Amino acid sequence: MPQPHRVVIVAFPGIELLDATGPAEVFSVASRVGGADRTGYLVRIATADGAPVTTSSGVRLMADLAFDDVVAPIDTLLVSGAIELEDGGVEPVIDHEVTGWLRRAAPRARRIGSICAGAHLLAEAGLLEGRPATTHWLTAGRLAVEHPGVRVDPDPIFIRDGRVWTCAGVTSGMDMALAMVAEDHGQDLALATARMMVMYVKRSGGQSQFSVPLSVQASSDDRIDELRRWIVEHLAEDLSLEALAARTHLSPRHFTRVFRQRTSTTPAAYVETARLEAARRLLEDSDHSLPQVAAASGLGSVETLHRVFRRRLSTTPAEYRRRF
């Protein structure tokens, strides 16, 4: 009988309950749907001392292992996240006992990942340096400022860079787990798992569809939020700094300053990220040729498409399509 994939989910006091239980349930359902003839998943919750932890909801989460008990090779190592809301501000929780153990354990894992603000712990452990990553839209700006070596993209639901995965807020851990099931066992099992859980096998769009309407700072007449929505719907049009500034009736210099204040990135970087995300979806979901993908995503030429993929994802469009 094939040995199951060993999944270790790291928990600590204050985590979001669904950060741990959401992916765990996806792996469990995939194992049951896949049947005995397919390699399933063995999920274990690990805490520093093996004791239960109290989650942000007040529900206590039982642990299967202490960190010192995790001795066998790990197939998938996931770290949950915790966010504290204080005086209207948002504070990602950094548990230094967890980050210290992650540094030691990560080399033994085939695949590592974070859920929600767990990306801050991976970054603190040095595991995201030089990589693209995402996290909850509320803390993405903080991650970019505190870890400038991490290429933070606040929009995707999840990002995979080699063996390192990061995802957005709470329920996106389930999206990421489904993608891991697809990587391990194929799209058919991922689809069957999603159907059983009444989920989309792949959620369309990015975090912006959630962060814009929910942001405390956003308002119905905010020019920057309206422009961001317009950008993703007009990727093949002129999105130069001058053209975008003209749409908001601001000077290019003032527009750049306001845009950075609202998004923690530059207009050019935001446009490139949106075009890259569109190109990735086209490569995953369509049989468009590379020239068609480049044109539809607004990147223009195959040469530019290759350049952006190599710089941002360290791969080629053809290799990305083959893998995903």
Protein backbone atom coordinates (compact mmCIF):
# COMPACT_ATOMS: atom_id res chain seq x y z
CA MET A 1 0.00 0.00 0.00
CA PRO A 2 1.42 3.44 -0.91
CA GLN A 3 2.57 5.59 1.99
CA PRO A 4 0.51 8.77 2.57
CA HIS A 5 1.92 12.25 2.10
CA ARG A 6 2.88 13.51 5.56
CA VAL A 7 1.51 17.00 6.21
CA VAL A 8 2.57 18.94 9.30
CA ILE A 9 0.59 22.09 10.13
CA VAL A 10 2.26 24.41 12.64
CA ALA A 11 -0.04 26.10 15.15
CA PHE A 12 0.54 28.55 17.99
CA PRO A 13 -1.71 30.61 20.29
CA GLY A 14 -3.97 33.10 18.50
CA ILE A 15 -3.98 31.53 15.03
CA GLU A 16 -7.07 31.68 12.87
CA LEU A 17 -8.79 28.32 13.37
CA LEU A 18 -9.55 27.88 9.66
CA ASP A 19 -5.89 28.44 8.77
CA ALA A 20 -5.17 25.02 10.24
CA THR A 21 -8.45 23.14 9.86
CA GLY A 22 -9.27 24.36 6.32
CA PRO A 23 -6.23 22.82 4.57
CA ALA A 24 -6.44 19.79 6.88
CA GLU A 25 -10.01 19.13 5.71
CA VAL A 26 -9.05 19.50 2.03
CA PHE A 27 -6.31 16.90 2.42
CA SER A 28 -8.65 14.63 4.37
CA VAL A 29 -11.42 14.81 1.78
CA ALA A 30 -8.91 14.23 -1.03
CA SER A 31 -7.73 11.08 0.76
CA ARG A 32 -11.28 9.77 1.12
CA VAL A 33 -12.32 10.66 -2.42
CA GLY A 34 -9.11 9.22 -3.87
CA GLY A 35 -9.66 5.84 -2.29
CA ALA A 36 -7.26 3.18 -1.07
CA ASP A 37 -5.52 2.77 -4.44
CA ARG A 38 -4.15 6.31 -4.35
CA THR A 39 -1.58 7.87 -2.02
CA GLY A 40 -3.51 9.98 0.48
CA TYR A 41 -2.48 12.41 3.21
CA LEU A 42 -1.65 12.04 6.87
CA VAL A 43 -2.18 15.43 8.57
CA ARG A 44 -0.70 16.26 11.96
CA ILE A 45 -0.93 19.48 14.00
CA ALA A 46 2.34 20.47 15.69
CA THR A 47 2.78 23.01 18.48
CA ALA A 48 5.91 24.02 20.36
CA ASP A 49 5.28 21.73 23.34
CA GLY A 50 2.57 19.46 21.99
CA ALA A 51 -0.09 21.18 24.11
CA PRO A 52 -3.43 22.49 22.80
CA VAL A 53 -3.54 26.13 21.65
CA THR A 54 -6.40 28.59 21.88
CA THR A 55 -7.27 30.06 18.48
CA SER A 56 -8.52 33.57 17.73
CA SER A 57 -12.11 32.31 17.89
CA GLY A 58 -11.59 30.94 21.39
CA VAL A 59 -11.81 27.34 20.20
CA ARG A 60 -8.99 25.16 21.51
CA LEU A 61 -7.07 23.20 18.87
CA MET A 62 -5.56 19.89 19.95
CA ALA A 63 -2.01 19.07 18.88
CA ASP A 64 -0.70 15.71 17.66
CA LEU A 65 2.99 16.51 18.04
CA ALA A 66 5.49 18.76 19.74
CA PHE A 67 8.13 20.31 17.51
CA ASP A 68 10.76 17.95 18.94
CA ASP A 69 8.60 14.97 17.92
CA VAL A 70 8.66 15.89 14.23
CA VAL A 71 11.60 13.70 13.25
CA ALA A 72 10.61 11.93 10.02
CA PRO A 73 10.94 13.62 6.62
CA ILE A 74 8.04 16.00 5.99
CA ASP A 75 6.23 16.07 2.67
CA THR A 76 4.33 19.34 3.27
CA LEU A 77 5.06 21.81 6.07
CA LEU A 78 2.46 24.56 6.55
CA VAL A 79 2.44 27.40 9.08
CA SER A 80 -0.77 29.09 10.17
CA GLY A 81 -1.07 32.83 10.76
CA ALA A 82 -2.35 35.15 13.45
CA ILE A 83 -3.41 38.78 13.28
CA GLU A 84 -4.11 41.08 16.20
CA LEU A 85 -6.44 44.05 15.76
CA GLU A 86 -5.41 46.87 18.09
CA ASP A 87 -6.69 50.46 18.13
CA GLY A 88 -7.88 50.11 14.54
CA GLY A 89 -4.48 48.80 13.42
CA VAL A 90 -3.41 45.36 12.25
CA GLU A 91 -0.49 43.50 13.77
CA PRO A 92 0.76 40.16 12.35
CA VAL A 93 1.83 37.92 15.22
CA ILE A 94 5.43 36.65 15.13
CA ASP A 95 6.08 33.67 17.38
CA HIS A 96 9.88 33.39 17.60
CA GLU A 97 9.78 29.83 18.89
CA VAL A 98 7.94 28.93 15.68
CA THR A 99 10.30 30.84 13.38
CA GLY A 100 13.34 29.26 15.00
CA TRP A 101 11.92 25.78 14.49
CA LEU A 102 10.91 26.58 10.89
CA ARG A 103 14.53 27.42 10.05
CA ARG A 104 15.60 24.00 11.31
CA ALA A 105 12.70 21.97 9.91
CA ALA A 106 12.26 23.55 6.45
CA PRO A 107 15.28 21.78 4.86
CA ARG A 108 13.63 18.43 5.69
CA ALA A 109 10.37 19.31 3.91
CA ARG A 110 9.66 18.67 0.26
CA ARG A 111 7.21 21.57 0.20
CA ILE A 112 6.61 24.45 2.60
CA GLY A 113 3.84 27.01 2.73
CA SER A 114 2.04 29.62 4.78
CA ILE A 115 -1.60 30.47 5.30
CA CYS A 116 -2.67 34.10 5.69
CA ALA A 117 -0.27 36.04 7.96
CA GLY A 118 1.83 32.91 8.34
CA ALA A 119 3.88 34.44 5.50
CA HIS A 120 5.33 36.84 8.07
CA LEU A 121 6.73 33.87 9.98
CA LEU A 122 8.24 32.33 6.85
CA ALA A 123 9.81 35.70 6.05
CA GLU A 124 11.13 36.08 9.59
CA ALA A 125 12.67 32.62 9.25
CA GLY A 126 14.43 33.74 6.04
CA LEU A 127 12.48 31.32 3.85
CA LEU A 128 10.97 33.93 1.52
CA GLU A 129 14.12 35.95 0.77
CA GLY A 130 14.36 36.71 -2.94
CA ARG A 131 11.03 35.03 -3.67
CA PRO A 132 7.60 36.27 -4.77
CA ALA A 133 5.03 35.90 -1.99
CA THR A 134 1.59 36.98 -0.93
CA THR A 135 -0.30 37.28 2.34
CA HIS A 136 -3.55 38.75 3.63
CA TRP A 137 -4.22 42.09 1.92
CA LEU A 138 -4.37 43.80 5.31
CA THR A 139 -0.73 42.99 6.09
CA ALA A 140 0.86 42.80 2.62
CA GLY A 141 2.22 46.35 2.86
CA ARG A 142 3.73 45.57 6.25
CA LEU A 143 5.42 42.44 4.86
CA ALA A 144 6.92 44.43 1.98
CA VAL A 145 8.29 47.13 4.27
CA GLU A 146 9.73 44.79 6.91
CA HIS A 147 11.20 42.33 4.40
CA PRO A 148 12.34 44.27 1.31
CA GLY A 149 14.03 41.16 -0.04
CA VAL A 150 10.62 39.51 -0.49
CA ARG A 151 8.78 40.36 -3.71
CA VAL A 152 5.35 40.90 -2.18
CA ASP A 153 2.36 40.73 -4.52
CA PRO A 154 -0.81 41.63 -2.57
CA ASP A 155 -3.33 40.42 -5.16
CA PRO A 156 -3.07 36.66 -5.89
CA ILE A 157 -5.06 34.12 -3.89
CA PHE A 158 -1.86 32.08 -3.65
CA ILE A 159 1.63 32.04 -5.13
CA ARG A 160 3.87 29.06 -5.77
CA ASP A 161 7.61 29.60 -6.22
CA GLY A 162 9.33 26.27 -6.52
CA ARG A 163 8.71 24.37 -3.30
CA VAL A 164 7.55 27.47 -1.41
CA TRP A 165 3.87 28.42 -1.39
CA THR A 166 2.15 31.41 0.20
CA CYS A 167 -1.52 32.37 0.20
CA ALA A 168 -3.86 35.18 1.14
CA GLY A 169 -6.37 35.30 3.96
CA VAL A 170 -7.94 32.38 5.84
CA THR A 171 -10.10 30.52 3.27
CA SER A 172 -7.40 30.86 0.60
CA GLY A 173 -5.52 28.18 2.52
CA MET A 174 -8.13 25.79 1.17
CA ASP A 175 -7.57 27.06 -2.38
CA MET A 176 -3.85 26.50 -1.94
CA ALA A 177 -4.38 23.01 -0.51
CA LEU A 178 -6.56 22.11 -3.52
CA ALA A 179 -3.76 23.26 -5.83
CA MET A 180 -1.35 21.05 -3.89
CA VAL A 181 -3.72 18.10 -4.35
CA ALA A 182 -3.78 18.85 -8.08
CA GLU A 183 0.03 18.95 -8.15
CA ASP A 184 0.29 15.64 -6.27
CA HIS A 185 -2.55 13.67 -7.87
CA GLY A 186 -3.86 15.56 -10.86
CA GLN A 187 -6.72 17.91 -11.63
CA ASP A 188 -9.40 15.20 -11.56
CA LEU A 189 -8.92 14.48 -7.86
CA ALA A 190 -8.73 18.20 -7.05
CA LEU A 191 -12.02 18.74 -8.90
CA ALA A 192 -13.67 15.80 -7.11
CA THR A 193 -12.45 17.16 -3.77
CA ALA A 194 -13.75 20.64 -4.57
CA ARG A 195 -17.14 19.22 -5.54
CA MET A 196 -17.36 17.26 -2.30
CA MET A 197 -16.57 20.43 -0.32
CA VAL A 198 -18.79 22.66 -2.48
CA MET A 199 -15.81 24.80 -3.45
CA TYR A 200 -14.50 26.33 -6.65
CA VAL A 201 -11.53 24.26 -7.78
CA LYS A 202 -9.90 27.53 -8.83
CA ARG A 203 -11.26 30.86 -7.64
CA SER A 204 -11.21 33.58 -10.30
CA GLY A 205 -9.61 36.96 -9.70
CA GLY A 206 -7.38 38.01 -6.86
CA GLN A 207 -7.53 39.57 -3.43
CA SER A 208 -8.41 42.94 -4.91
CA GLN A 209 -11.98 41.71 -5.42
CA PHE A 210 -12.18 41.34 -1.64
CA SER A 211 -9.81 44.01 -0.35
CA VAL A 212 -11.23 46.93 -2.31
CA PRO A 213 -14.84 46.74 -1.06
CA LEU A 214 -13.80 45.71 2.46
CA SER A 215 -10.96 48.17 3.01
CA VAL A 216 -11.67 50.67 5.76
CA GLN A 217 -10.02 53.36 3.68
CA ALA A 218 -12.02 52.68 0.54
CA SER A 219 -15.07 54.63 -0.50
CA SER A 220 -17.42 54.51 -3.45
CA ASP A 221 -15.88 57.61 -5.07
CA ASP A 222 -12.23 56.81 -4.37
CA ARG A 223 -10.33 57.42 -7.60
CA ILE A 224 -7.49 54.99 -6.90
CA ASP A 225 -9.75 52.04 -6.07
CA GLU A 226 -11.89 52.79 -9.11
CA LEU A 227 -8.74 53.02 -11.26
CA ARG A 228 -7.44 49.67 -9.99
CA ARG A 229 -10.69 48.00 -10.97
CA TRP A 230 -10.54 49.71 -14.37
CA ILE A 231 -6.94 48.59 -14.94
CA VAL A 232 -7.70 44.87 -14.62
CA GLU A 233 -10.54 45.25 -17.15
CA HIS A 234 -8.44 47.18 -19.71
CA LEU A 235 -5.04 45.51 -19.61
CA ALA A 236 -4.45 45.80 -23.35
CA GLU A 237 -4.95 49.58 -23.37
CA ASP A 238 -2.46 52.39 -22.73
CA LEU A 239 -1.63 52.10 -19.02
CA SER A 240 1.35 54.42 -19.00
CA LEU A 241 1.88 56.70 -16.01
CA GLU A 242 0.68 59.69 -17.99
CA ALA A 243 -2.49 57.93 -19.18
CA LEU A 244 -3.39 56.70 -15.68
CA ALA A 245 -2.71 60.08 -14.12
CA ALA A 246 -4.95 61.71 -16.73
CA ARG A 247 -7.81 59.35 -15.83
CA THR A 248 -7.62 60.49 -12.21
CA HIS A 249 -7.18 64.18 -13.17
CA LEU A 250 -3.91 64.37 -11.24
CA SER A 251 -0.42 65.30 -12.29
CA PRO A 252 1.87 62.28 -12.84
CA ARG A 253 3.96 63.19 -9.79
CA HIS A 254 0.97 63.66 -7.49
CA PHE A 255 -0.75 60.56 -8.88
CA THR A 256 2.35 58.42 -8.22
CA ARG A 257 2.53 59.64 -4.63
CA VAL A 258 -1.18 59.02 -3.95
CA PHE A 259 -1.12 55.61 -5.65
CA ARG A 260 1.85 54.46 -3.58
CA GLN A 261 0.18 55.67 -0.36
CA ARG A 262 -2.96 53.66 -1.13
CA THR A 263 -1.38 50.48 -2.55
CA SER A 264 2.20 50.32 -1.19
CA THR A 265 3.46 49.94 -4.77
CA THR A 266 4.05 52.05 -7.86
CA PRO A 267 1.58 52.36 -10.77
CA ALA A 268 4.04 50.63 -13.11
CA ALA A 269 4.57 47.71 -10.72
CA TYR A 270 0.82 47.35 -10.16
CA VAL A 271 0.11 47.31 -13.90
CA GLU A 272 2.83 44.74 -14.54
CA THR A 273 1.52 42.54 -11.73
CA ALA A 274 -2.02 42.71 -13.10
CA ARG A 275 -0.81 41.84 -16.60
CA LEU A 276 1.34 39.00 -15.28
CA GLU A 277 -1.61 37.56 -13.34
CA ALA A 278 -3.77 37.73 -16.50
CA ALA A 279 -1.05 36.00 -18.52
CA ARG A 280 -0.76 33.27 -15.89
CA ARG A 281 -4.52 32.62 -15.97
CA LEU A 282 -4.48 32.44 -19.78
CA LEU A 283 -1.60 29.97 -19.74
CA GLU A 284 -3.38 27.84 -17.13
CA ASP A 285 -6.91 27.95 -18.54
CA SER A 286 -6.66 28.42 -22.32
CA ASP A 287 -4.81 27.06 -25.34
CA HIS A 288 -3.94 30.56 -26.61
CA SER A 289 -0.60 30.86 -28.34
CA LEU A 290 2.12 32.92 -26.64
CA PRO A 291 1.56 35.90 -29.00
CA GLN A 292 -2.16 35.79 -28.13
CA VAL A 293 -1.40 35.60 -24.40
CA ALA A 294 1.01 38.53 -24.67
CA ALA A 295 -1.54 40.63 -26.54
CA ALA A 296 -4.55 39.79 -24.36
CA SER A 297 -2.68 40.39 -21.11
CA GLY A 298 -1.33 43.72 -22.28
CA LEU A 299 2.30 42.64 -22.18
CA GLY A 300 2.41 43.23 -25.91
CA SER A 301 5.12 40.94 -27.26
CA VAL A 302 6.36 37.45 -26.61
CA GLU A 303 9.74 38.96 -25.77
CA THR A 304 8.19 41.06 -22.99
CA LEU A 305 6.15 38.07 -21.82
CA HIS A 306 9.35 36.03 -21.46
CA ARG A 307 11.21 38.85 -19.75
CA VAL A 308 8.50 39.43 -17.13
CA PHE A 309 8.09 35.71 -16.41
CA ARG A 310 11.82 35.22 -15.97
CA ARG A 311 12.21 38.28 -13.74
CA ARG A 312 9.10 37.77 -11.61
CA LEU A 313 8.64 33.98 -11.59
CA SER A 314 12.09 32.65 -12.56
CA THR A 315 10.59 30.51 -15.32
CA THR A 316 9.41 30.75 -18.92
CA PRO A 317 5.79 30.97 -20.09
CA ALA A 318 6.07 27.56 -21.76
CA GLU A 319 7.46 25.94 -18.61
CA TYR A 320 4.78 27.62 -16.49
CA ARG A 321 2.06 26.24 -18.75
CA ARG A 322 3.58 22.76 -18.63
CA ARG A 323 3.66 22.78 -14.82
CA PHE A 324 0.22 24.30 -14.25
